[in-house]
């Protein structure tokens, strides 16, 4: 973290490099940049929180509807069935 003397030294160097007339313009530009950054950060945070609120609840553990019947099928026999009642 910067101490008090380091900040004073940085401000003195900026004053020497840019002059007294340019300092208000630099400060205004810096303030505008910080303002835009905070606005963009807030918008992203709001978008994320609204997306989390809009999500549907997780699906339940229900099984999908089955197309097969729930009753067991009758076993098929391998013997041919006879439709005639008489024996030859």
PDB file of N, CA and C in Angstrom:
ATOM      1  N   UNK A   1       0.844  -1.177   0.000  1.00  0.00           N
ATOM      2  CA  UNK A   1       0.000   0.000   0.000  1.00  0.00           C
ATOM      3  C   UNK A   1       0.888   1.237   0.000  1.00  0.00           C
ATOM      4  N   UNK A   2       0.407   2.247  -0.643  1.00  0.00           N
ATOM      5  CA  UNK A   2       1.187   3.484  -0.726  1.00  0.00           C
ATOM      6  C   UNK A   2       1.032   4.306   0.553  1.00  0.00           C
ATOM      7  N   UNK A   3       2.127   4.855   1.003  1.00  0.00           N
ATOM      8  CA  UNK A   3       2.100   5.730   2.171  1.00  0.00           C
ATOM      9  C   UNK A   3       1.855   7.167   1.755  1.00  0.00           C
ATOM     10  N   UNK A   4       1.818   8.043   2.733  1.00  0.00           N
ATOM     11  CA  UNK A   4       1.548   9.458   2.478  1.00  0.00           C
ATOM     12  C   UNK A   4       2.610  10.126   1.633  1.00  0.00           C
ATOM     13  N   UNK A   5       3.889   9.850   1.902  1.00  0.00           N
ATOM     14  CA  UNK A   5       4.974  10.482   1.166  1.00  0.00           C
ATOM     15  C   UNK A   5       5.038   9.992  -0.274  1.00  0.00           C
ATOM     16  N   UNK A   6       4.700   8.735  -0.502  1.00  0.00           N
ATOM     17  CA  UNK A   6       4.721   8.222  -1.876  1.00  0.00           C
ATOM     18  C   UNK A   6       3.651   8.906  -2.729  1.00  0.00           C
ATOM     19  N   UNK A   7       2.489   9.128  -2.142  1.00  0.00           N
ATOM     20  CA  UNK A   7       1.407   9.800  -2.880  1.00  0.00           C
ATOM     21  C   UNK A   7       1.802  11.237  -3.193  1.00  0.00           C
ATOM     22  N   UNK A   8       2.393  11.946  -2.234  1.00  0.00           N
ATOM     23  CA  UNK A   8       2.838  13.322  -2.456  1.00  0.00           C
ATOM     24  C   UNK A   8       3.883  13.365  -3.560  1.00  0.00           C
ATOM     25  N   UNK A   9       4.802  12.417  -3.558  1.00  0.00           N
ATOM     26  CA  UNK A   9       5.843  12.367  -4.582  1.00  0.00           C
ATOM     27  C   UNK A   9       5.242  12.126  -5.976  1.00  0.00           C
ATOM     28  N   UNK A  10       4.280  11.213  -6.063  1.00  0.00           N
ATOM     29  CA  UNK A  10       3.619  10.929  -7.358  1.00  0.00           C
ATOM     30  C   UNK A  10       2.873  12.157  -7.850  1.00  0.00           C
ATOM     31  N   UNK A  11       2.156  12.838  -6.962  1.00  0.00           N
ATOM     32  CA  UNK A  11       1.425  14.049  -7.364  1.00  0.00           C
ATOM     33  C   UNK A  11       2.375  15.146  -7.821  1.00  0.00           C
ATOM     34  N   UNK A  12       3.529  15.282  -7.167  1.00  0.00           N
ATOM     35  CA  UNK A  12       4.514  16.287  -7.574  1.00  0.00           C
ATOM     36  C   UNK A  12       5.073  15.986  -8.960  1.00  0.00           C
ATOM     37  N   UNK A  13       5.351  14.708  -9.227  1.00  0.00           N
ATOM     38  CA  UNK A  13       5.864  14.321 -10.543  1.00  0.00           C
ATOM     39  C   UNK A  13       4.813  14.582 -11.622  1.00  0.00           C
ATOM     40  N   UNK A  14       3.562  14.263 -11.347  1.00  0.00           N
ATOM     41  CA  UNK A  14       2.474  14.504 -12.306  1.00  0.00           C
ATOM     42  C   UNK A  14       2.332  15.998 -12.562  1.00  0.00           C
ATOM     43  N   UNK A  15       2.413  16.808 -11.507  1.00  0.00           N
ATOM     44  CA  UNK A  15       2.310  18.264 -11.656  1.00  0.00           C
ATOM     45  C   UNK A  15       3.446  18.811 -12.510  1.00  0.00           C
ATOM     46  N   UNK A  16       4.648  18.295 -12.310  1.00  0.00           N
ATOM     47  CA  UNK A  16       5.795  18.748 -13.100  1.00  0.00           C
ATOM     48  C   UNK A  16       5.659  18.316 -14.557  1.00  0.00           C
ATOM     49  N   UNK A  17       5.231  17.079 -14.800  1.00  0.00           N
ATOM     50  CA  UNK A  17       5.133  16.573 -16.175  1.00  0.00           C
ATOM     51  C   UNK A  17       4.013  17.231 -16.974  1.00  0.00           C
ATOM     52  N   UNK A  18       2.842  17.377 -16.375  1.00  0.00           N
ATOM     53  CA  UNK A  18       1.685  17.835 -17.140  1.00  0.00           C
ATOM     54  C   UNK A  18       1.362  19.308 -16.928  1.00  0.00           C
ATOM     55  N   UNK A  19       1.797  19.898 -15.863  1.00  0.00           N
ATOM     56  CA  UNK A  19       1.517  21.312 -15.610  1.00  0.00           C
ATOM     57  C   UNK A  19       0.188  21.484 -14.896  1.00  0.00           C
ATOM     58  N   UNK A  20       0.002  22.667 -14.365  1.00  0.00           N
ATOM     59  CA  UNK A  20      -1.185  22.964 -13.558  1.00  0.00           C
ATOM     60  C   UNK A  20      -2.455  23.049 -14.417  1.00  0.00           C
ATOM     61  N   UNK A  21      -2.299  23.406 -15.679  1.00  0.00           N
ATOM     62  CA  UNK A  21      -3.485  23.556 -16.532  1.00  0.00           C
ATOM     63  C   UNK A  21      -4.078  22.212 -16.934  1.00  0.00           C
ATOM     64  N   UNK A  22      -3.270  21.184 -17.033  1.00  0.00           N
ATOM     65  CA  UNK A  22      -3.743  19.865 -17.476  1.00  0.00           C
ATOM     66  C   UNK A  22      -4.296  19.017 -16.329  1.00  0.00           C
ATOM     67  N   UNK A  23      -3.981  19.336 -15.086  1.00  0.00           N
ATOM     68  CA  UNK A  23      -4.418  18.509 -13.954  1.00  0.00           C
ATOM     69  C   UNK A  23      -5.941  18.382 -13.852  1.00  0.00           C
ATOM     70  N   UNK A  24      -6.720  19.462 -13.992  1.00  0.00           N
ATOM     71  CA  UNK A  24      -8.186  19.290 -13.926  1.00  0.00           C
ATOM     72  C   UNK A  24      -8.731  18.379 -15.029  1.00  0.00           C
ATOM     73  N   UNK A  25      -8.155  18.471 -16.221  1.00  0.00           N
ATOM     74  CA  UNK A  25      -8.592  17.601 -17.315  1.00  0.00           C
ATOM     75  C   UNK A  25      -8.257  16.143 -17.019  1.00  0.00           C
ATOM     76  N   UNK A  26      -7.065  15.897 -16.479  1.00  0.00           N
ATOM     77  CA  UNK A  26      -6.670  14.533 -16.119  1.00  0.00           C
ATOM     78  C   UNK A  26      -7.567  13.977 -15.018  1.00  0.00           C
ATOM     79  N   UNK A  27      -7.864  14.798 -14.030  1.00  0.00           N
ATOM     80  CA  UNK A  27      -8.715  14.355 -12.931  1.00  0.00           C
ATOM     81  C   UNK A  27     -10.133  14.053 -13.426  1.00  0.00           C
ATOM     82  N   UNK A  28     -10.622  14.896 -14.328  1.00  0.00           N
ATOM     83  CA  UNK A  28     -11.961  14.675 -14.877  1.00  0.00           C
ATOM     84  C   UNK A  28     -12.008  13.373 -15.674  1.00  0.00           C
ATOM     85  N   UNK A  29     -10.991  13.138 -16.489  1.00  0.00           N
ATOM     86  CA  UNK A  29     -10.924  11.889 -17.258  1.00  0.00           C
ATOM     87  C   UNK A  29     -10.813  10.669 -16.362  1.00  0.00           C
ATOM     88  N   UNK A  30     -10.007  10.782 -15.314  1.00  0.00           N
ATOM     89  CA  UNK A  30      -9.864   9.680 -14.367  1.00  0.00           C
ATOM     90  C   UNK A  30     -11.182   9.407 -13.648  1.00  0.00           C
ATOM     91  N   UNK A  31     -11.865  10.469 -13.238  1.00  0.00           N
ATOM     92  CA  UNK A  31     -13.162  10.313 -12.571  1.00  0.00           C
ATOM     93  C   UNK A  31     -14.203   9.673 -13.477  1.00  0.00           C
ATOM     94  N   UNK A  32     -14.231  10.079 -14.738  1.00  0.00           N
ATOM     95  CA  UNK A  32     -15.169   9.498 -15.702  1.00  0.00           C
ATOM     96  C   UNK A  32     -14.866   8.026 -15.930  1.00  0.00           C
ATOM     97  N   UNK A  33     -13.596   7.696 -16.021  1.00  0.00           N
ATOM     98  CA  UNK A  33     -13.213   6.291 -16.217  1.00  0.00           C
ATOM     99  C   UNK A  33     -13.615   5.422 -15.040  1.00  0.00           C
ATOM    100  N   UNK A  34     -13.395   5.918 -13.825  1.00  0.00           N
ATOM    101  CA  UNK A  34     -13.782   5.155 -12.632  1.00  0.00           C
ATOM    102  C   UNK A  34     -15.300   4.991 -12.572  1.00  0.00           C
ATOM    103  N   UNK A  35     -16.019   6.053 -12.925  1.00  0.00           N
ATOM    104  CA  UNK A  35     -17.488   6.008 -12.924  1.00  0.00           C
ATOM    105  C   UNK A  35     -18.011   4.966 -13.914  1.00  0.00           C
ATOM    106  N   UNK A  36     -17.463   4.935 -15.117  1.00  0.00           N
ATOM    107  CA  UNK A  36     -17.874   3.958 -16.124  1.00  0.00           C
ATOM    108  C   UNK A  36     -17.535   2.535 -15.694  1.00  0.00           C
ATOM    109  N   UNK A  37     -16.388   2.365 -15.061  1.00  0.00           N
ATOM    110  CA  UNK A  37     -15.992   1.032 -14.588  1.00  0.00           C
ATOM    111  C   UNK A  37     -16.960   0.525 -13.523  1.00  0.00           C
ATOM    112  N   UNK A  38     -17.320   1.388 -12.580  1.00  0.00           N
ATOM    113  CA  UNK A  38     -18.270   1.000 -11.533  1.00  0.00           C
ATOM    114  C   UNK A  38     -19.639   0.681 -12.125  1.00  0.00           C
ATOM    115  N   UNK A  39     -20.062   1.452 -13.127  1.00  0.00           N
ATOM    116  CA  UNK A  39     -21.351   1.211 -13.779  1.00  0.00           C
ATOM    117  C   UNK A  39     -21.355  -0.142 -14.484  1.00  0.00           C
ATOM    118  N   UNK A  40     -20.282  -0.434 -15.207  1.00  0.00           N
ATOM    119  CA  UNK A  40     -20.196  -1.720 -15.913  1.00  0.00           C
ATOM    120  C   UNK A  40     -20.154  -2.877 -14.926  1.00  0.00           C
ATOM    121  N   UNK A  41     -19.427  -2.716 -13.835  1.00  0.00           N
ATOM    122  CA  UNK A  41     -19.367  -3.768 -12.814  1.00  0.00           C
ATOM    123  C   UNK A  41     -20.738  -4.009 -12.206  1.00  0.00           C
ATOM    124  N   UNK A  42     -21.458  -2.943 -11.923  1.00  0.00           N
ATOM    125  CA  UNK A  42     -22.801  -3.059 -11.346  1.00  0.00           C
ATOM    126  C   UNK A  42     -23.764  -3.743 -12.320  1.00  0.00           C
ATOM    127  N   UNK A  43     -23.669  -3.394 -13.612  1.00  0.00           N
ATOM    128  CA  UNK A  43     -24.546  -4.012 -14.613  1.00  0.00           C
ATOM    129  C   UNK A  43     -24.283  -5.514 -14.733  1.00  0.00           C
ATOM    130  N   UNK A  44     -23.015  -5.897 -14.721  1.00  0.00           N
ATOM    131  CA  UNK A  44     -22.674  -7.315 -14.818  1.00  0.00           C
ATOM    132  C   UNK A  44     -23.180  -8.060 -13.589  1.00  0.00           C
ATOM    133  N   UNK A  45     -23.010  -7.473 -12.415  1.00  0.00           N
ATOM    134  CA  UNK A  45     -23.479  -8.100 -11.179  1.00  0.00           C
ATOM    135  C   UNK A  45     -24.999  -8.253 -11.194  1.00  0.00           C
ATOM    136  N   UNK A  46     -25.709  -7.211 -11.648  1.00  0.00           N
ATOM    137  CA  UNK A  46     -27.167  -7.286 -11.736  1.00  0.00           C
ATOM    138  C   UNK A  46     -27.609  -8.348 -12.734  1.00  0.00           C
ATOM    139  N   UNK A  47     -26.910  -8.445 -13.860  1.00  0.00           N
ATOM    140  CA  UNK A  47     -27.255  -9.439 -14.882  1.00  0.00           C
ATOM    141  C   UNK A  47     -27.061 -10.857 -14.354  1.00  0.00           C
ATOM    142  N   UNK A  48     -25.994 -11.080 -13.639  1.00  0.00           N
ATOM    143  CA  UNK A  48     -25.734 -12.414 -13.076  1.00  0.00           C
ATOM    144  C   UNK A  48     -26.780 -12.766 -12.037  1.00  0.00           C
ATOM    145  N   UNK A  49     -27.123 -11.822 -11.166  1.00  0.00           N
ATOM    146  CA  UNK A  49     -28.108 -12.119 -10.126  1.00  0.00           C
ATOM    147  C   UNK A  49     -29.496 -12.337 -10.726  1.00  0.00           C
ATOM    148  N   UNK A  50     -29.855 -11.590 -11.773  1.00  0.00           N
ATOM    149  CA  UNK A  50     -31.162 -11.803 -12.398  1.00  0.00           C
ATOM    150  C   UNK A  50     -31.195 -13.131 -13.150  1.00  0.00           C
ATOM    151  N   UNK A  51     -30.065 -13.529 -13.726  1.00  0.00           N
ATOM    152  CA  UNK A  51     -30.017 -14.828 -14.413  1.00  0.00           C
ATOM    153  C   UNK A  51     -30.151 -15.968 -13.413  1.00  0.00           C
ATOM    154  N   UNK A  52     -29.590 -15.800 -12.241  1.00  0.00           N
ATOM    155  CA  UNK A  52     -29.710 -16.843 -11.213  1.00  0.00           C
ATOM    156  C   UNK A  52     -31.133 -16.917 -10.680  1.00  0.00           C
ATOM    157  N   UNK A  53     -31.830 -15.783 -10.615  1.00  0.00           N
ATOM    158  CA  UNK A  53     -33.206 -15.769 -10.130  1.00  0.00           C
ATOM    159  C   UNK A  53     -34.166 -16.364 -11.154  1.00  0.00           C
ATOM    160  N   UNK A  54     -33.857 -16.214 -12.443  1.00  0.00           N
ATOM    161  CA  UNK A  54     -34.748 -16.675 -13.503  1.00  0.00           C
ATOM    162  C   UNK A  54     -34.613 -18.161 -13.816  1.00  0.00           C
ATOM    163  N   UNK A  55     -33.621 -18.809 -13.296  1.00  0.00           N
ATOM    164  CA  UNK A  55     -33.429 -20.214 -13.630  1.00  0.00           C
ATOM    165  C   UNK A  55     -34.537 -21.051 -13.026  1.00  0.00           C
ATOM    166  N   UNK A  56     -34.951 -22.065 -13.751  1.00  0.00           N
ATOM    167  CA  UNK A  56     -36.001 -22.950 -13.261  1.00  0.00           C
ATOM    168  C   UNK A  56     -35.410 -23.892 -12.223  1.00  0.00           C
ATOM    169  N   UNK A  57     -36.265 -24.435 -11.356  1.00  0.00           N
ATOM    170  CA  UNK A  57     -35.748 -25.361 -10.344  1.00  0.00           C
ATOM    171  C   UNK A  57     -35.206 -26.615 -11.011  1.00  0.00           C
ATOM    172  N   UNK A  58     -34.305 -27.310 -10.347  1.00  0.00           N
ATOM    173  CA  UNK A  58     -33.736 -28.511 -10.953  1.00  0.00           C
ATOM    174  C   UNK A  58     -34.810 -29.564 -11.164  1.00  0.00           C
ATOM    175  N   UNK A  59     -34.670 -30.396 -12.187  1.00  0.00           N
ATOM    176  CA  UNK A  59     -35.692 -31.404 -12.457  1.00  0.00           C
ATOM    177  C   UNK A  59     -35.780 -32.407 -11.313  1.00  0.00           C
ATOM    178  N   UNK A  60     -37.003 -32.894 -11.095  1.00  0.00           N
ATOM    179  CA  UNK A  60     -37.189 -33.869 -10.024  1.00  0.00           C
ATOM    180  C   UNK A  60     -36.702 -35.239 -10.489  1.00  0.00           C
ATOM    181  N   UNK A  61     -36.713 -36.180  -9.600  1.00  0.00           N
ATOM    182  CA  UNK A  61     -36.203 -37.512  -9.901  1.00  0.00           C
ATOM    183  C   UNK A  61     -37.275 -38.409 -10.518  1.00  0.00           C
ATOM    184  N   UNK A  62     -38.236 -37.817 -11.170  1.00  0.00           N
ATOM    185  CA  UNK A  62     -39.269 -38.623 -11.821  1.00  0.00           C
ATOM    186  C   UNK A  62     -38.702 -39.279 -13.068  1.00  0.00           C
ATOM    187  N   UNK A  63     -39.188 -40.476 -13.336  1.00  0.00           N
ATOM    188  CA  UNK A  63     -38.799 -41.173 -14.557  1.00  0.00           C
ATOM    189  C   UNK A  63     -39.672 -40.696 -15.695  1.00  0.00           C
ATOM    190  N   UNK A  64     -39.189 -40.677 -16.902  1.00  0.00           N
ATOM    191  CA  UNK A  64     -40.021 -40.262 -18.025  1.00  0.00           C
ATOM    192  C   UNK A  64     -41.133 -41.279 -18.256  1.00  0.00           C
ATOM    193  N   UNK A  65     -42.218 -40.832 -18.851  1.00  0.00           N
ATOM    194  CA  UNK A  65     -43.360 -41.709 -19.127  1.00  0.00           C
ATOM    195  C   UNK A  65     -42.925 -42.846 -20.041  1.00  0.00           C
ATOM    196  N   UNK A  66     -43.304 -44.053 -19.688  1.00  0.00           N
ATOM    197  CA  UNK A  66     -42.909 -45.222 -20.453  1.00  0.00           C
ATOM    198  C   UNK A  66     -43.998 -45.570 -21.454  1.00  0.00           C
ATOM    199  N   UNK A  67     -43.612 -46.068 -22.617  1.00  0.00           N
ATOM    200  CA  UNK A  67     -44.586 -46.453 -23.635  1.00  0.00           C
ATOM    201  C   UNK A  67     -45.016 -47.901 -23.452  1.00  0.00           C
ATOM    202  N   UNK A  68     -44.333 -48.657 -22.626  1.00  0.00           N
ATOM    203  CA  UNK A  68     -44.698 -50.057 -22.412  1.00  0.00           C
ATOM    204  C   UNK A  68     -45.712 -50.135 -21.284  1.00  0.00           C
ATOM    205  N   UNK A  69     -46.499 -51.204 -21.283  1.00  0.00           N
ATOM    206  CA  UNK A  69     -47.500 -51.373 -20.241  1.00  0.00           C
ATOM    207  C   UNK A  69     -46.823 -51.793 -18.952  1.00  0.00           C
ATOM    208  N   UNK A  70     -47.543 -51.606 -17.861  1.00  0.00           N
ATOM    209  CA  UNK A  70     -46.965 -51.942 -16.565  1.00  0.00           C
ATOM    210  C   UNK A  70     -47.212 -53.394 -16.187  1.00  0.00           C
ATOM    211  N   UNK A  71     -48.101 -54.081 -16.905  1.00  0.00           N
ATOM    212  CA  UNK A  71     -48.360 -55.487 -16.594  1.00  0.00           C
ATOM    213  C   UNK A  71     -47.366 -56.361 -17.337  1.00  0.00           C
ATOM    214  N   UNK A  72     -46.905 -57.453 -16.687  1.00  0.00           N
ATOM    215  CA  UNK A  72     -45.951 -58.338 -17.367  1.00  0.00           C
ATOM    216  C   UNK A  72     -46.631 -59.068 -18.521  1.00  0.00           C
ATOM    217  N   UNK A  73     -45.841 -59.328 -19.537  1.00  0.00           N
ATOM    218  CA  UNK A  73     -46.375 -60.042 -20.691  1.00  0.00           C
ATOM    219  C   UNK A  73     -46.505 -61.525 -20.373  1.00  0.00           C
ATOM    220  N   UNK A  74     -47.501 -62.173 -21.016  1.00  0.00           N
ATOM    221  CA  UNK A  74     -47.700 -63.616 -20.826  1.00  0.00           C
ATOM    222  C   UNK A  74     -46.600 -64.357 -21.579  1.00  0.00           C
ATOM    223  N   UNK A  75     -46.069 -65.433 -21.002  1.00  0.00           N
ATOM    224  CA  UNK A  75     -45.025 -66.186 -21.708  1.00  0.00           C
ATOM    225  C   UNK A  75     -45.590 -66.834 -22.970  1.00  0.00           C
ATOM    226  N   UNK A  76     -44.805 -66.808 -24.022  1.00  0.00           N
ATOM    227  CA  UNK A  76     -45.233 -67.423 -25.271  1.00  0.00           C
ATOM    228  C   UNK A  76     -44.800 -68.885 -25.273  1.00  0.00           C
ATOM    229  N   UNK A  77     -45.709 -69.748 -25.729  1.00  0.00           N
ATOM    230  CA  UNK A  77     -45.348 -71.166 -25.780  1.00  0.00           C
ATOM    231  C   UNK A  77     -44.847 -71.502 -27.173  1.00  0.00           C
ATOM    232  N   UNK A  78     -44.000 -72.502 -27.250  1.00  0.00           N
ATOM    233  CA  UNK A  78     -43.432 -72.918 -28.523  1.00  0.00           C
ATOM    234  C   UNK A  78     -44.288 -73.971 -29.219  1.00  0.00           C
ATOM    235  N   UNK A  79     -45.333 -74.477 -28.568  1.00  0.00           N
ATOM    236  CA  UNK A  79     -46.184 -75.497 -29.186  1.00  0.00           C
ATOM    237  C   UNK A  79     -47.212 -74.817 -30.052  1.00  0.00           C
ATOM    238  N   UNK A  80     -47.458 -75.403 -31.230  1.00  0.00           N
ATOM    239  CA  UNK A  80     -48.488 -74.810 -32.097  1.00  0.00           C
ATOM    240  C   UNK A  80     -49.862 -75.110 -31.522  1.00  0.00           C
ATOM    241  N   UNK A  81     -50.689 -74.119 -31.627  1.00  0.00           N
ATOM    242  CA  UNK A  81     -52.049 -74.323 -31.116  1.00  0.00           C
ATOM    243  C   UNK A  81     -52.922 -74.894 -32.225  1.00  0.00           C
ATOM    244  N   UNK A  82     -53.784 -75.801 -31.835  1.00  0.00           N
ATOM    245  CA  UNK A  82     -54.660 -76.478 -32.787  1.00  0.00           C
ATOM    246  C   UNK A  82     -56.034 -75.834 -32.692  1.00  0.00           C
ATOM    247  N   UNK A  83     -56.576 -75.488 -33.840  1.00  0.00           N
ATOM    248  CA  UNK A  83     -57.893 -74.873 -33.843  1.00  0.00           C
ATOM    249  C   UNK A  83     -58.991 -75.920 -34.066  1.00  0.00           C
ATOM    250  N   UNK A  84     -58.607 -77.090 -34.557  1.00  0.00           N
ATOM    251  CA  UNK A  84     -59.640 -78.112 -34.785  1.00  0.00           C
ATOM    252  C   UNK A  84     -59.786 -78.918 -33.503  1.00  0.00           C
ATOM    253  N   UNK A  85     -60.998 -79.317 -33.191  1.00  0.00           N
ATOM    254  CA  UNK A  85     -61.255 -80.072 -31.993  1.00  0.00           C
ATOM    255  C   UNK A  85     -61.152 -81.566 -32.193  1.00  0.00           C
ATOM    256  N   UNK A  86     -60.971 -82.076 -33.423  1.00  0.00           N
ATOM    257  CA  UNK A  86     -60.929 -83.508 -33.682  1.00  0.00           C
ATOM    258  C   UNK A  86     -59.504 -83.950 -33.902  1.00  0.00           C
ATOM    259  N   UNK A  87     -59.237 -85.230 -33.489  1.00  0.00           N
ATOM    260  CA  UNK A  87     -57.923 -85.806 -33.698  1.00  0.00           C
ATOM    261  C   UNK A  87     -57.987 -86.733 -34.891  1.00  0.00           C
ATOM    262  N   UNK A  88     -56.988 -86.826 -35.629  1.00  0.00           N
ATOM    263  CA  UNK A  88     -56.966 -87.689 -36.770  1.00  0.00           C
ATOM    264  C   UNK A  88     -56.330 -89.002 -36.482  1.00  0.00           C
TER     265      UNK A  88
END
